């Protein structure tokens, strides 16, 4: 009876049922006689087990308090959206800047001959990408710092749906870009068309995208 109605005595239902069956089997066996002292000892043991289990559960709850579930406010939504947009903008700008530097210092002679204003076009693109990076990267840093402070004050914000969606979407896009880059470099290597310009550009994309992937994988690991 005590085992049936004491929720703390044996939490596992299968174990509890097995224990009850064992007690019933022992009580039906005529060759085994249980004295009153043994019965009292058994109930005392279960009672002490309950007390110790209650103390352990209380300590666990104190050490691992349940985090309050936070709901995304419009501020949270747009801050995370701004963070991811400025991250993408900064990453693309860095890639374009490196690409244009490669185009200027390791020019494709055939392309520059057949296209009017080849080097000047590279410089124009370089200026545009540099201006974008100068504006977007500081905004990304400020937004990230603000979000970090918010996570420290309210840890429940780490589990916001918008945050998880954007992180995993970034990991997905980064993985696809990395796979395409690796396929491109392998294809050019097999066809014997692997040039220094192409290799440097592929490595640039791999380094930038790989850094972003590494950072957000660490973030997921920390949250877990």
N, C-alpha and C. Protein backbone atom coordinates (compact mmCIF):
# COMPACT_ATOMS: atom_id res chain seq x y z
N UNK A 1 0.84 -1.20 0.00
CA UNK A 1 0.00 0.00 0.00
C UNK A 1 0.88 1.25 0.00
N UNK A 2 1.94 1.21 0.84
CA UNK A 2 2.84 2.34 0.92
C UNK A 2 3.51 2.60 -0.43
N UNK A 3 3.94 1.54 -1.10
CA UNK A 3 4.59 1.68 -2.41
C UNK A 3 3.64 2.22 -3.46
N UNK A 4 2.38 1.83 -3.35
CA UNK A 4 1.40 2.27 -4.35
C UNK A 4 1.11 3.76 -4.24
N UNK A 5 1.01 4.29 -3.03
CA UNK A 5 0.54 5.66 -2.84
C UNK A 5 1.65 6.64 -2.47
N UNK A 6 2.89 6.20 -2.39
CA UNK A 6 4.00 7.12 -2.12
C UNK A 6 4.69 7.46 -3.44
N UNK A 7 4.51 8.67 -4.00
CA UNK A 7 5.09 9.01 -5.30
C UNK A 7 6.60 9.14 -5.28
N UNK A 8 7.18 9.35 -4.08
CA UNK A 8 8.62 9.54 -4.00
C UNK A 8 9.38 8.26 -3.73
N UNK A 9 8.68 7.23 -3.30
CA UNK A 9 9.39 6.02 -2.88
C UNK A 9 10.14 5.37 -4.02
N UNK A 10 9.44 5.04 -5.12
CA UNK A 10 10.08 4.47 -6.31
C UNK A 10 9.51 5.18 -7.52
N UNK A 11 10.24 6.16 -8.10
CA UNK A 11 9.69 6.94 -9.22
C UNK A 11 9.39 6.10 -10.45
N UNK A 12 10.20 5.09 -10.74
CA UNK A 12 10.03 4.28 -11.94
C UNK A 12 8.87 3.32 -11.74
N UNK A 13 7.82 3.44 -12.58
CA UNK A 13 6.61 2.62 -12.43
C UNK A 13 6.91 1.14 -12.58
N UNK A 14 7.78 0.80 -13.54
CA UNK A 14 8.09 -0.62 -13.77
C UNK A 14 8.79 -1.23 -12.55
N UNK A 15 9.70 -0.45 -11.96
CA UNK A 15 10.39 -0.92 -10.76
C UNK A 15 9.41 -1.07 -9.61
N UNK A 16 8.50 -0.09 -9.48
CA UNK A 16 7.51 -0.13 -8.39
C UNK A 16 6.62 -1.36 -8.54
N UNK A 17 6.13 -1.61 -9.75
CA UNK A 17 5.26 -2.77 -9.97
C UNK A 17 5.99 -4.08 -9.69
N UNK A 18 7.27 -4.13 -10.11
CA UNK A 18 8.06 -5.33 -9.85
C UNK A 18 8.26 -5.56 -8.37
N UNK A 19 8.46 -4.50 -7.62
CA UNK A 19 8.65 -4.62 -6.17
C UNK A 19 7.37 -5.10 -5.50
N UNK A 20 6.23 -4.57 -5.96
CA UNK A 20 4.94 -5.00 -5.38
C UNK A 20 4.69 -6.48 -5.64
N UNK A 21 4.98 -6.93 -6.87
CA UNK A 21 4.80 -8.35 -7.20
C UNK A 21 5.68 -9.24 -6.34
N UNK A 22 6.91 -8.77 -6.11
CA UNK A 22 7.84 -9.54 -5.29
C UNK A 22 7.33 -9.67 -3.86
N UNK A 23 6.79 -8.57 -3.32
CA UNK A 23 6.27 -8.60 -1.94
C UNK A 23 5.07 -9.53 -1.84
N UNK A 24 4.17 -9.46 -2.85
CA UNK A 24 2.99 -10.33 -2.84
C UNK A 24 3.40 -11.80 -2.95
N UNK A 25 4.39 -12.08 -3.79
CA UNK A 25 4.85 -13.45 -3.95
C UNK A 25 5.45 -13.98 -2.64
N UNK A 26 6.21 -13.12 -1.95
CA UNK A 26 6.81 -13.53 -0.68
C UNK A 26 5.73 -13.79 0.37
N UNK A 27 4.70 -12.89 0.37
CA UNK A 27 3.64 -13.04 1.37
C UNK A 27 2.81 -14.30 1.15
N UNK A 28 2.69 -14.76 -0.11
CA UNK A 28 1.92 -15.96 -0.41
C UNK A 28 2.70 -17.25 -0.14
N UNK A 29 4.00 -17.13 -0.11
CA UNK A 29 4.82 -18.32 0.10
C UNK A 29 4.77 -18.73 1.57
N UNK A 30 4.28 -19.92 1.82
CA UNK A 30 4.08 -20.37 3.20
C UNK A 30 5.39 -20.64 3.90
N UNK A 31 6.45 -20.91 3.13
CA UNK A 31 7.72 -21.26 3.77
C UNK A 31 8.46 -20.05 4.31
N UNK A 32 8.04 -18.84 3.85
CA UNK A 32 8.73 -17.62 4.30
C UNK A 32 7.80 -16.87 5.23
N UNK A 33 8.24 -16.61 6.41
CA UNK A 33 7.43 -15.88 7.37
C UNK A 33 8.16 -14.58 7.72
N UNK A 34 7.44 -13.51 7.53
CA UNK A 34 8.04 -12.19 7.78
C UNK A 34 7.65 -11.74 9.18
N UNK A 35 8.62 -11.47 10.01
CA UNK A 35 8.34 -11.01 11.37
C UNK A 35 7.96 -9.55 11.36
N UNK A 36 7.35 -9.10 12.47
CA UNK A 36 6.92 -7.70 12.57
C UNK A 36 8.12 -6.76 12.53
N UNK A 37 9.22 -7.18 13.14
CA UNK A 37 10.40 -6.31 13.16
C UNK A 37 10.96 -6.10 11.75
N UNK A 38 10.95 -7.17 10.94
CA UNK A 38 11.44 -7.02 9.57
C UNK A 38 10.52 -6.12 8.76
N UNK A 39 9.21 -6.23 8.99
CA UNK A 39 8.25 -5.41 8.27
C UNK A 39 8.42 -3.94 8.64
N UNK A 40 8.59 -3.68 9.94
CA UNK A 40 8.82 -2.31 10.38
C UNK A 40 10.12 -1.75 9.81
N UNK A 41 11.14 -2.60 9.75
CA UNK A 41 12.43 -2.17 9.18
C UNK A 41 12.29 -1.80 7.72
N UNK A 42 11.46 -2.60 7.00
CA UNK A 42 11.25 -2.33 5.58
C UNK A 42 10.59 -0.97 5.37
N UNK A 43 9.51 -0.70 6.15
CA UNK A 43 8.82 0.59 6.00
C UNK A 43 9.70 1.75 6.44
N UNK A 44 10.53 1.54 7.46
CA UNK A 44 11.45 2.58 7.91
C UNK A 44 12.46 2.89 6.81
N UNK A 45 12.95 1.85 6.13
CA UNK A 45 13.90 2.03 5.04
C UNK A 45 13.28 2.84 3.90
N UNK A 46 12.05 2.50 3.52
CA UNK A 46 11.37 3.22 2.43
C UNK A 46 11.11 4.67 2.82
N UNK A 47 10.75 4.89 4.08
CA UNK A 47 10.48 6.24 4.57
C UNK A 47 11.75 7.10 4.51
N UNK A 48 12.87 6.51 4.98
CA UNK A 48 14.15 7.23 4.93
C UNK A 48 14.57 7.48 3.48
N UNK A 49 14.27 6.52 2.59
CA UNK A 49 14.56 6.68 1.16
C UNK A 49 13.82 7.89 0.60
N UNK A 50 12.54 8.04 1.02
CA UNK A 50 11.75 9.18 0.56
C UNK A 50 12.35 10.50 1.01
N UNK A 51 12.78 10.55 2.27
CA UNK A 51 13.35 11.79 2.81
C UNK A 51 14.62 12.17 2.05
N UNK A 52 15.51 11.19 1.83
CA UNK A 52 16.76 11.46 1.13
C UNK A 52 16.51 11.87 -0.32
N UNK A 53 15.54 11.22 -0.96
CA UNK A 53 15.21 11.55 -2.34
C UNK A 53 14.65 12.97 -2.43
N UNK A 54 13.82 13.35 -1.47
CA UNK A 54 13.24 14.70 -1.45
C UNK A 54 14.35 15.75 -1.29
N UNK A 55 15.31 15.46 -0.39
CA UNK A 55 16.42 16.39 -0.19
C UNK A 55 17.25 16.54 -1.46
N UNK A 56 17.51 15.41 -2.15
CA UNK A 56 18.28 15.45 -3.39
C UNK A 56 17.57 16.22 -4.48
N UNK A 57 16.24 16.03 -4.58
CA UNK A 57 15.46 16.75 -5.60
C UNK A 57 15.48 18.24 -5.31
N UNK A 58 15.36 18.59 -4.03
CA UNK A 58 15.37 20.01 -3.65
C UNK A 58 16.71 20.66 -3.99
N UNK A 59 17.81 19.95 -3.70
CA UNK A 59 19.14 20.46 -4.02
C UNK A 59 19.32 20.61 -5.53
N UNK A 60 18.82 19.63 -6.29
CA UNK A 60 18.94 19.69 -7.75
C UNK A 60 18.18 20.90 -8.30
N UNK A 61 16.98 21.16 -7.77
CA UNK A 61 16.19 22.30 -8.23
C UNK A 61 16.86 23.62 -7.89
N UNK A 62 17.57 23.65 -6.74
CA UNK A 62 18.29 24.88 -6.37
C UNK A 62 19.48 25.12 -7.29
N UNK A 63 20.19 24.02 -7.63
CA UNK A 63 21.36 24.14 -8.50
C UNK A 63 20.98 24.34 -9.96
N UNK A 64 19.82 23.82 -10.38
CA UNK A 64 19.36 23.92 -11.77
C UNK A 64 17.97 24.54 -11.80
N UNK A 65 17.89 25.84 -11.51
CA UNK A 65 16.57 26.48 -11.51
C UNK A 65 15.96 26.49 -12.91
N UNK A 66 14.68 26.30 -12.95
CA UNK A 66 13.98 26.28 -14.24
C UNK A 66 13.94 27.69 -14.82
N UNK A 67 14.45 27.80 -16.04
CA UNK A 67 14.49 29.11 -16.68
C UNK A 67 13.09 29.55 -17.11
N UNK A 68 12.84 30.82 -16.87
CA UNK A 68 11.55 31.38 -17.26
C UNK A 68 11.51 31.46 -18.79
N UNK A 69 10.44 30.97 -19.36
CA UNK A 69 10.31 30.98 -20.81
C UNK A 69 10.03 32.39 -21.28
N UNK A 70 10.91 32.89 -22.13
CA UNK A 70 10.77 34.25 -22.64
C UNK A 70 10.10 34.21 -24.02
N UNK A 71 9.28 35.23 -24.26
CA UNK A 71 8.60 35.36 -25.55
C UNK A 71 9.26 36.49 -26.33
N UNK A 72 9.35 36.29 -27.64
CA UNK A 72 10.01 37.29 -28.49
C UNK A 72 9.13 38.53 -28.62
N UNK A 73 9.71 39.67 -28.28
CA UNK A 73 9.03 40.95 -28.46
C UNK A 73 9.43 41.51 -29.83
N UNK A 74 8.72 42.54 -30.31
CA UNK A 74 9.14 43.15 -31.58
C UNK A 74 10.60 43.63 -31.55
N UNK A 75 11.04 44.11 -30.37
CA UNK A 75 12.43 44.55 -30.21
C UNK A 75 13.39 43.38 -30.43
N UNK A 76 13.09 42.23 -29.82
CA UNK A 76 13.93 41.05 -29.99
C UNK A 76 14.00 40.63 -31.46
N UNK A 77 12.86 40.61 -32.10
CA UNK A 77 12.78 40.18 -33.50
C UNK A 77 13.66 41.05 -34.39
N UNK A 78 13.51 42.38 -34.28
CA UNK A 78 14.24 43.28 -35.18
C UNK A 78 15.71 43.38 -34.81
N UNK A 79 16.06 43.21 -33.53
CA UNK A 79 17.48 43.20 -33.15
C UNK A 79 18.19 42.00 -33.76
N UNK A 80 17.57 40.83 -33.66
CA UNK A 80 18.17 39.62 -34.22
C UNK A 80 18.23 39.69 -35.74
N UNK A 81 17.19 40.28 -36.34
CA UNK A 81 17.17 40.44 -37.80
C UNK A 81 18.27 41.41 -38.25
N UNK A 82 18.44 42.51 -37.50
CA UNK A 82 19.49 43.47 -37.82
C UNK A 82 20.86 42.82 -37.68
N UNK A 83 21.02 42.02 -36.65
CA UNK A 83 22.30 41.34 -36.41
C UNK A 83 22.66 40.43 -37.59
N UNK A 84 21.69 39.65 -38.06
CA UNK A 84 21.99 38.68 -39.12
C UNK A 84 22.19 39.39 -40.47
N UNK A 85 21.44 40.47 -40.72
CA UNK A 85 21.59 41.21 -41.98
C UNK A 85 22.97 41.88 -42.04
N UNK A 86 23.38 42.52 -40.94
CA UNK A 86 24.70 43.17 -40.91
C UNK A 86 25.82 42.14 -40.97
N UNK A 87 25.58 40.96 -40.40
CA UNK A 87 26.59 39.88 -40.50
C UNK A 87 26.77 39.45 -41.95
N UNK A 88 25.64 39.19 -42.64
CA UNK A 88 25.73 38.79 -44.05
C UNK A 88 26.36 39.89 -44.89
N UNK A 89 25.95 41.15 -44.65
CA UNK A 89 26.49 42.27 -45.41
C UNK A 89 27.99 42.42 -45.21
N UNK A 90 28.44 42.27 -43.96
CA UNK A 90 29.87 42.38 -43.65
C UNK A 90 30.67 41.25 -44.31
N UNK A 91 30.14 40.03 -44.22
CA UNK A 91 30.83 38.88 -44.80
C UNK A 91 30.95 39.01 -46.32
N UNK A 92 29.85 39.40 -46.98
CA UNK A 92 29.87 39.57 -48.44
C UNK A 92 30.83 40.69 -48.84
N UNK A 93 30.85 41.78 -48.05
CA UNK A 93 31.74 42.91 -48.35
C UNK A 93 33.21 42.49 -48.25
N UNK A 94 33.54 41.71 -47.23
CA UNK A 94 34.93 41.25 -47.07
C UNK A 94 35.34 40.38 -48.26
N UNK A 95 34.44 39.50 -48.67
CA UNK A 95 34.74 38.62 -49.82
C UNK A 95 34.94 39.44 -51.09
N UNK A 96 34.06 40.42 -51.31
CA UNK A 96 34.17 41.26 -52.52
C UNK A 96 35.47 42.07 -52.50
N UNK A 97 35.83 42.61 -51.34
CA UNK A 97 37.07 43.40 -51.22
C UNK A 97 38.28 42.54 -51.60
N UNK A 98 38.34 41.33 -51.04
CA UNK A 98 39.48 40.44 -51.34
C UNK A 98 39.47 40.05 -52.81
N UNK A 99 38.28 39.77 -53.36
CA UNK A 99 38.17 39.41 -54.78
C UNK A 99 38.71 40.53 -55.68
N UNK A 100 38.35 41.78 -55.36
CA UNK A 100 38.78 42.90 -56.21
C UNK A 100 40.28 43.16 -56.08
N UNK A 101 40.82 42.95 -54.88
CA UNK A 101 42.28 43.08 -54.71
C UNK A 101 43.00 42.03 -55.55
N UNK A 102 42.46 40.81 -55.55
CA UNK A 102 43.04 39.74 -56.38
C UNK A 102 42.94 40.11 -57.86
N UNK A 103 41.78 40.66 -58.27
CA UNK A 103 41.58 41.04 -59.67
C UNK A 103 42.55 42.15 -60.10
N UNK A 104 42.86 43.06 -59.17
CA UNK A 104 43.75 44.18 -59.50
C UNK A 104 45.21 43.73 -59.58
N UNK A 105 45.65 42.94 -58.61
CA UNK A 105 47.06 42.56 -58.54
C UNK A 105 47.39 41.26 -59.29
N UNK A 106 46.37 40.45 -59.55
CA UNK A 106 46.55 39.26 -60.39
C UNK A 106 45.51 39.32 -61.51
N UNK A 107 45.68 40.26 -62.45
CA UNK A 107 44.63 40.49 -63.46
C UNK A 107 44.50 39.35 -64.46
N UNK A 108 43.30 39.22 -64.95
CA UNK A 108 43.03 38.29 -66.04
C UNK A 108 43.22 39.08 -67.34
N UNK A 109 44.31 38.84 -68.02
CA UNK A 109 44.68 39.64 -69.20
C UNK A 109 43.62 39.59 -70.28
N UNK A 110 43.08 38.41 -70.54
CA UNK A 110 42.07 38.25 -71.58
C UNK A 110 40.82 39.04 -71.26
N UNK A 111 40.40 39.00 -69.99
CA UNK A 111 39.19 39.73 -69.58
C UNK A 111 39.40 41.24 -69.68
N UNK A 112 40.56 41.72 -69.23
CA UNK A 112 40.83 43.16 -69.26
C UNK A 112 40.96 43.69 -70.69
N UNK A 113 41.41 42.84 -71.60
CA UNK A 113 41.54 43.26 -73.00
C UNK A 113 40.18 43.39 -73.66
N UNK A 114 39.30 42.46 -73.39
CA UNK A 114 37.98 42.43 -74.05
C UNK A 114 36.93 43.30 -73.37
N UNK A 115 37.20 43.80 -72.15
CA UNK A 115 36.22 44.61 -71.43
C UNK A 115 36.77 45.99 -71.14
N UNK A 116 35.96 46.99 -71.46
CA UNK A 116 36.38 48.38 -71.30
C UNK A 116 36.43 48.73 -69.80
N UNK A 117 37.52 49.39 -69.40
CA UNK A 117 37.64 49.87 -68.02
C UNK A 117 37.70 48.77 -67.01
N UNK A 118 38.44 47.71 -67.28
CA UNK A 118 38.50 46.56 -66.39
C UNK A 118 38.98 46.89 -65.00
N UNK A 119 40.19 47.52 -64.89
CA UNK A 119 40.76 47.82 -63.58
C UNK A 119 39.93 48.88 -62.86
N UNK A 120 39.45 49.88 -63.60
CA UNK A 120 38.63 50.93 -62.97
C UNK A 120 37.33 50.36 -62.40
N UNK A 121 36.78 49.39 -63.10
CA UNK A 121 35.56 48.75 -62.60
C UNK A 121 35.84 47.99 -61.31
N UNK A 122 37.00 47.35 -61.23
CA UNK A 122 37.38 46.65 -60.00
C UNK A 122 37.50 47.63 -58.84
N UNK A 123 38.10 48.80 -59.12
CA UNK A 123 38.29 49.79 -58.08
C UNK A 123 36.96 50.37 -57.60
N UNK A 124 36.04 50.58 -58.53
CA UNK A 124 34.70 51.08 -58.16
C UNK A 124 33.98 50.08 -57.25
N UNK A 125 34.05 48.81 -57.64
CA UNK A 125 33.43 47.76 -56.83
C UNK A 125 34.09 47.67 -55.46
N UNK A 126 35.41 47.83 -55.44
CA UNK A 126 36.17 47.79 -54.18
C UNK A 126 35.73 48.92 -53.26
N UNK A 127 35.56 50.12 -53.79
CA UNK A 127 35.13 51.26 -52.96
C UNK A 127 33.74 51.03 -52.39
N UNK A 128 32.84 50.50 -53.21
CA UNK A 128 31.48 50.23 -52.73
C UNK A 128 31.45 49.20 -51.61
N UNK A 129 32.23 48.13 -51.79
CA UNK A 129 32.29 47.08 -50.77
C UNK A 129 32.93 47.60 -49.48
N UNK A 130 33.96 48.44 -49.63
CA UNK A 130 34.64 48.99 -48.45
C UNK A 130 33.71 49.92 -47.67
N UNK A 131 32.93 50.72 -48.39
CA UNK A 131 31.97 51.61 -47.73
C UNK A 131 30.90 50.80 -46.98
N UNK A 132 30.44 49.74 -47.62
CA UNK A 132 29.44 48.87 -46.97
C UNK A 132 29.99 48.24 -45.70
N UNK A 133 31.24 47.78 -45.76
CA UNK A 133 31.86 47.15 -44.59
C UNK A 133 32.06 48.15 -43.46
N UNK A 134 32.49 49.37 -43.80
CA UNK A 134 32.73 50.41 -42.78
C UNK A 134 31.43 50.74 -42.03
N UNK A 135 30.30 50.68 -42.71
CA UNK A 135 29.01 50.99 -42.07
C UNK A 135 28.45 49.77 -41.35
N UNK A 136 28.43 48.64 -42.01
CA UNK A 136 27.72 47.46 -41.49
C UNK A 136 28.44 46.76 -40.35
N UNK A 137 29.76 46.64 -40.43
CA UNK A 137 30.46 45.87 -39.41
C UNK A 137 30.35 46.49 -38.01
N UNK A 138 30.52 47.82 -37.84
CA UNK A 138 30.31 48.41 -36.51
C UNK A 138 28.89 48.21 -36.00
N UNK A 139 27.90 48.30 -36.91
CA UNK A 139 26.51 48.06 -36.49
C UNK A 139 26.34 46.64 -35.99
N UNK A 140 26.98 45.70 -36.67
CA UNK A 140 26.92 44.29 -36.24
C UNK A 140 27.54 44.12 -34.84
N UNK A 141 28.70 44.74 -34.61
CA UNK A 141 29.39 44.63 -33.32
C UNK A 141 28.52 45.22 -32.20
N UNK A 142 27.96 46.41 -32.43
CA UNK A 142 27.13 47.07 -31.41
C UNK A 142 25.88 46.22 -31.12
N UNK A 143 25.25 45.71 -32.17
CA UNK A 143 24.05 44.88 -31.99
C UNK A 143 24.37 43.60 -31.21
N UNK A 144 25.49 42.97 -31.54
CA UNK A 144 25.90 41.75 -30.84
C UNK A 144 26.18 42.02 -29.36
N UNK A 145 26.84 43.14 -29.05
CA UNK A 145 27.12 43.49 -27.66
C UNK A 145 25.83 43.71 -26.88
N UNK A 146 24.88 44.38 -27.51
CA UNK A 146 23.59 44.63 -26.88
C UNK A 146 22.86 43.31 -26.61
N UNK A 147 22.88 42.41 -27.58
CA UNK A 147 22.23 41.11 -27.41
C UNK A 147 22.92 40.28 -26.34
N UNK A 148 24.25 40.34 -26.27
CA UNK A 148 25.00 39.60 -25.24
C UNK A 148 24.59 40.06 -23.84
N UNK A 149 24.49 41.38 -23.65
CA UNK A 149 24.05 41.92 -22.36
C UNK A 149 22.65 41.44 -22.02
N UNK A 150 21.78 41.42 -23.03
CA UNK A 150 20.40 40.97 -22.83
C UNK A 150 20.36 39.50 -22.43
N UNK A 151 21.24 38.66 -23.04
CA UNK A 151 21.28 37.23 -22.70
C UNK A 151 21.76 37.01 -21.27
N UNK A 152 22.70 37.87 -20.81
CA UNK A 152 23.21 37.74 -19.44
C UNK A 152 22.12 38.11 -18.43
N UNK A 153 21.38 39.18 -18.72
CA UNK A 153 20.31 39.62 -17.82
C UNK A 153 19.11 38.68 -17.85
N UNK A 154 18.80 38.18 -19.04
CA UNK A 154 17.64 37.27 -19.19
C UNK A 154 18.08 36.03 -19.99
N UNK A 155 18.61 35.02 -19.31
CA UNK A 155 19.12 33.83 -20.01
C UNK A 155 18.06 33.11 -20.85
N UNK A 156 16.81 33.29 -20.49
CA UNK A 156 15.73 32.65 -21.26
C UNK A 156 15.67 33.13 -22.70
N UNK A 157 16.24 34.33 -22.97
CA UNK A 157 16.25 34.87 -24.33
C UNK A 157 17.12 34.04 -25.27
N UNK A 158 18.01 33.22 -24.70
CA UNK A 158 18.85 32.36 -25.55
C UNK A 158 18.02 31.33 -26.30
N UNK A 159 16.84 31.04 -25.79
CA UNK A 159 15.98 30.02 -26.41
C UNK A 159 14.89 30.62 -27.29
N UNK A 160 15.03 31.89 -27.65
CA UNK A 160 14.03 32.52 -28.53
C UNK A 160 14.02 31.81 -29.88
N UNK A 161 12.81 31.62 -30.39
CA UNK A 161 12.66 30.92 -31.67
C UNK A 161 13.35 31.66 -32.81
N UNK A 162 13.21 32.98 -32.83
CA UNK A 162 13.81 33.78 -33.91
C UNK A 162 15.33 33.61 -33.90
N UNK A 163 15.93 33.55 -32.73
CA UNK A 163 17.38 33.39 -32.62
C UNK A 163 17.81 32.03 -33.16
N UNK A 164 17.10 30.98 -32.75
CA UNK A 164 17.44 29.63 -33.21
C UNK A 164 17.29 29.50 -34.71
N UNK A 165 16.19 30.05 -35.25
CA UNK A 165 15.95 29.97 -36.69
C UNK A 165 17.07 30.65 -37.47
N UNK A 166 17.46 31.85 -37.04
CA UNK A 166 18.49 32.60 -37.77
C UNK A 166 19.86 31.93 -37.67
N UNK A 167 20.18 31.38 -36.49
CA UNK A 167 21.47 30.69 -36.33
C UNK A 167 21.52 29.46 -37.22
N UNK A 168 20.47 28.64 -37.16
CA UNK A 168 20.49 27.40 -37.95
C UNK A 168 20.38 27.69 -39.45
N UNK A 169 19.68 28.77 -39.81
CA UNK A 169 19.64 29.16 -41.23
C UNK A 169 21.03 29.58 -41.71
N UNK A 170 21.76 30.32 -40.86
CA UNK A 170 23.12 30.74 -41.18
C UNK A 170 24.03 29.53 -41.34
N UNK A 171 23.90 28.58 -40.43
CA UNK A 171 24.70 27.35 -40.53
C UNK A 171 24.37 26.57 -41.81
N UNK A 172 23.10 26.55 -42.16
CA UNK A 172 22.67 25.85 -43.38
C UNK A 172 23.26 26.51 -44.63
N UNK A 173 23.11 27.83 -44.73
CA UNK A 173 23.63 28.56 -45.89
C UNK A 173 25.15 28.43 -45.97
N UNK A 174 25.81 28.58 -44.81
CA UNK A 174 27.26 28.46 -44.79
C UNK A 174 27.74 27.08 -45.22
N UNK A 175 27.02 26.05 -44.80
CA UNK A 175 27.39 24.69 -45.19
C UNK A 175 27.23 24.48 -46.69
N UNK A 176 26.15 25.00 -47.26
CA UNK A 176 25.92 24.88 -48.71
C UNK A 176 27.02 25.59 -49.50
N UNK A 177 27.38 26.81 -49.06
CA UNK A 177 28.44 27.57 -49.75
C UNK A 177 29.77 26.82 -49.67
N UNK A 178 30.06 26.27 -48.50
CA UNK A 178 31.31 25.52 -48.33
C UNK A 178 31.35 24.30 -49.25
N UNK A 179 30.24 23.58 -49.33
CA UNK A 179 30.17 22.39 -50.20
C UNK A 179 30.37 22.78 -51.66
N UNK A 180 29.71 23.88 -52.10
CA UNK A 180 29.83 24.33 -53.49
C UNK A 180 31.27 24.75 -53.79
N UNK A 181 31.89 25.44 -52.84
CA UNK A 181 33.28 25.87 -53.02
C UNK A 181 34.22 24.67 -53.17
N UNK A 182 34.04 23.69 -52.33
CA UNK A 182 34.89 22.50 -52.38
C UNK A 182 34.69 21.74 -53.70
N UNK A 183 33.44 21.68 -54.16
CA UNK A 183 33.15 21.02 -55.44
C UNK A 183 33.83 21.79 -56.59
N UNK A 184 33.76 23.12 -56.54
CA UNK A 184 34.36 23.95 -57.60
C UNK A 184 35.88 23.76 -57.67
N UNK A 185 36.51 23.80 -56.50
CA UNK A 185 37.98 23.67 -56.50
C UNK A 185 38.40 22.27 -56.93
N UNK A 186 37.63 21.25 -56.56
CA UNK A 186 37.95 19.88 -56.97
C UNK A 186 37.74 19.70 -58.47
N UNK A 187 36.67 20.30 -59.00
CA UNK A 187 36.37 20.21 -60.43
C UNK A 187 37.47 20.87 -61.26
N UNK A 188 37.91 22.05 -60.82
CA UNK A 188 38.98 22.74 -61.55
C UNK A 188 40.31 22.01 -61.43
N UNK A 189 40.53 21.38 -60.29
CA UNK A 189 41.76 20.62 -60.10
C UNK A 189 41.80 19.41 -61.03
N UNK A 190 40.67 18.72 -61.15
CA UNK A 190 40.60 17.53 -62.01
C UNK A 190 40.70 17.88 -63.49
N UNK A 191 40.18 19.06 -63.86
CA UNK A 191 40.21 19.46 -65.27
C UNK A 191 41.51 20.18 -65.64
N UNK A 192 42.38 20.41 -64.65
CA UNK A 192 43.67 21.05 -64.92
C UNK A 192 43.58 22.54 -65.13
N UNK A 193 42.50 23.18 -64.67
CA UNK A 193 42.31 24.62 -64.85
C UNK A 193 42.42 25.37 -63.53
N UNK A 194 43.15 24.83 -62.57
CA UNK A 194 43.28 25.44 -61.25
C UNK A 194 44.33 26.55 -61.30
N UNK A 195 43.88 27.80 -61.31
CA UNK A 195 44.79 28.94 -61.36
C UNK A 195 44.96 29.54 -59.96
N UNK A 196 45.96 30.40 -59.84
CA UNK A 196 46.23 31.05 -58.55
C UNK A 196 45.06 31.96 -58.16
N UNK A 197 44.53 32.72 -59.13
CA UNK A 197 43.41 33.62 -58.88
C UNK A 197 42.21 32.85 -58.34
N UNK A 198 41.88 31.77 -59.02
CA UNK A 198 40.71 30.98 -58.62
C UNK A 198 40.93 30.38 -57.22
N UNK A 199 42.11 29.85 -56.98
CA UNK A 199 42.41 29.22 -55.68
C UNK A 199 42.30 30.23 -54.54
N UNK A 200 42.84 31.43 -54.73
CA UNK A 200 42.78 32.46 -53.69
C UNK A 200 41.34 32.89 -53.40
N UNK A 201 40.54 32.98 -54.44
CA UNK A 201 39.14 33.37 -54.25
C UNK A 201 38.36 32.30 -53.48
N UNK A 202 38.60 31.06 -53.84
CA UNK A 202 37.92 29.96 -53.14
C UNK A 202 38.34 29.91 -51.68
N UNK A 203 39.63 30.08 -51.42
CA UNK A 203 40.13 30.08 -50.05
C UNK A 203 39.57 31.24 -49.24
N UNK A 204 39.37 32.38 -49.90
CA UNK A 204 38.77 33.55 -49.23
C UNK A 204 37.37 33.22 -48.75
N UNK A 205 36.58 32.64 -49.63
CA UNK A 205 35.20 32.27 -49.27
C UNK A 205 35.20 31.24 -48.15
N UNK A 206 36.09 30.26 -48.25
CA UNK A 206 36.15 29.21 -47.22
C UNK A 206 36.53 29.77 -45.85
N UNK A 207 37.48 30.71 -45.83
CA UNK A 207 37.92 31.29 -44.56
C UNK A 207 36.80 32.12 -43.93
N UNK A 208 36.17 32.97 -44.72
CA UNK A 208 35.10 33.85 -44.19
C UNK A 208 33.91 33.02 -43.71
N UNK A 209 33.43 32.13 -44.57
CA UNK A 209 32.27 31.30 -44.22
C UNK A 209 32.62 30.34 -43.08
N UNK A 210 33.83 29.77 -43.13
CA UNK A 210 34.26 28.85 -42.07
C UNK A 210 34.33 29.52 -40.71
N UNK A 211 34.78 30.78 -40.68
CA UNK A 211 34.84 31.53 -39.41
C UNK A 211 33.44 31.73 -38.83
N UNK A 212 32.48 32.07 -39.69
CA UNK A 212 31.10 32.26 -39.23
C UNK A 212 30.52 30.94 -38.72
N UNK A 213 30.74 29.87 -39.46
CA UNK A 213 30.26 28.55 -39.03
C UNK A 213 30.86 28.15 -37.68
N UNK A 214 32.16 28.34 -37.55
CA UNK A 214 32.86 27.99 -36.30
C UNK A 214 32.29 28.77 -35.13
N UNK A 215 32.05 30.08 -35.32
CA UNK A 215 31.55 30.93 -34.23
C UNK A 215 30.17 30.48 -33.77
N UNK A 216 29.27 30.24 -34.72
CA UNK A 216 27.90 29.89 -34.33
C UNK A 216 27.78 28.45 -33.84
N UNK A 217 28.65 27.58 -34.28
CA UNK A 217 28.68 26.22 -33.70
C UNK A 217 29.12 26.28 -32.24
N UNK A 218 30.08 27.15 -31.93
CA UNK A 218 30.49 27.36 -30.53
C UNK A 218 29.34 27.92 -29.71
N UNK A 219 28.57 28.85 -30.30
CA UNK A 219 27.42 29.44 -29.59
C UNK A 219 26.39 28.36 -29.24
N UNK A 220 26.11 27.47 -30.18
CA UNK A 220 25.16 26.38 -29.93
C UNK A 220 25.69 25.46 -28.83
N UNK A 221 26.97 25.19 -28.87
CA UNK A 221 27.59 24.30 -27.87
C UNK A 221 27.51 24.93 -26.48
N UNK A 222 27.76 26.25 -26.38
CA UNK A 222 27.68 26.94 -25.09
C UNK A 222 26.27 26.90 -24.54
N UNK A 223 25.29 27.12 -25.39
CA UNK A 223 23.89 27.12 -24.94
C UNK A 223 23.48 25.77 -24.41
N UNK A 224 23.98 24.69 -25.02
CA UNK A 224 23.64 23.36 -24.55
C UNK A 224 24.27 23.08 -23.18
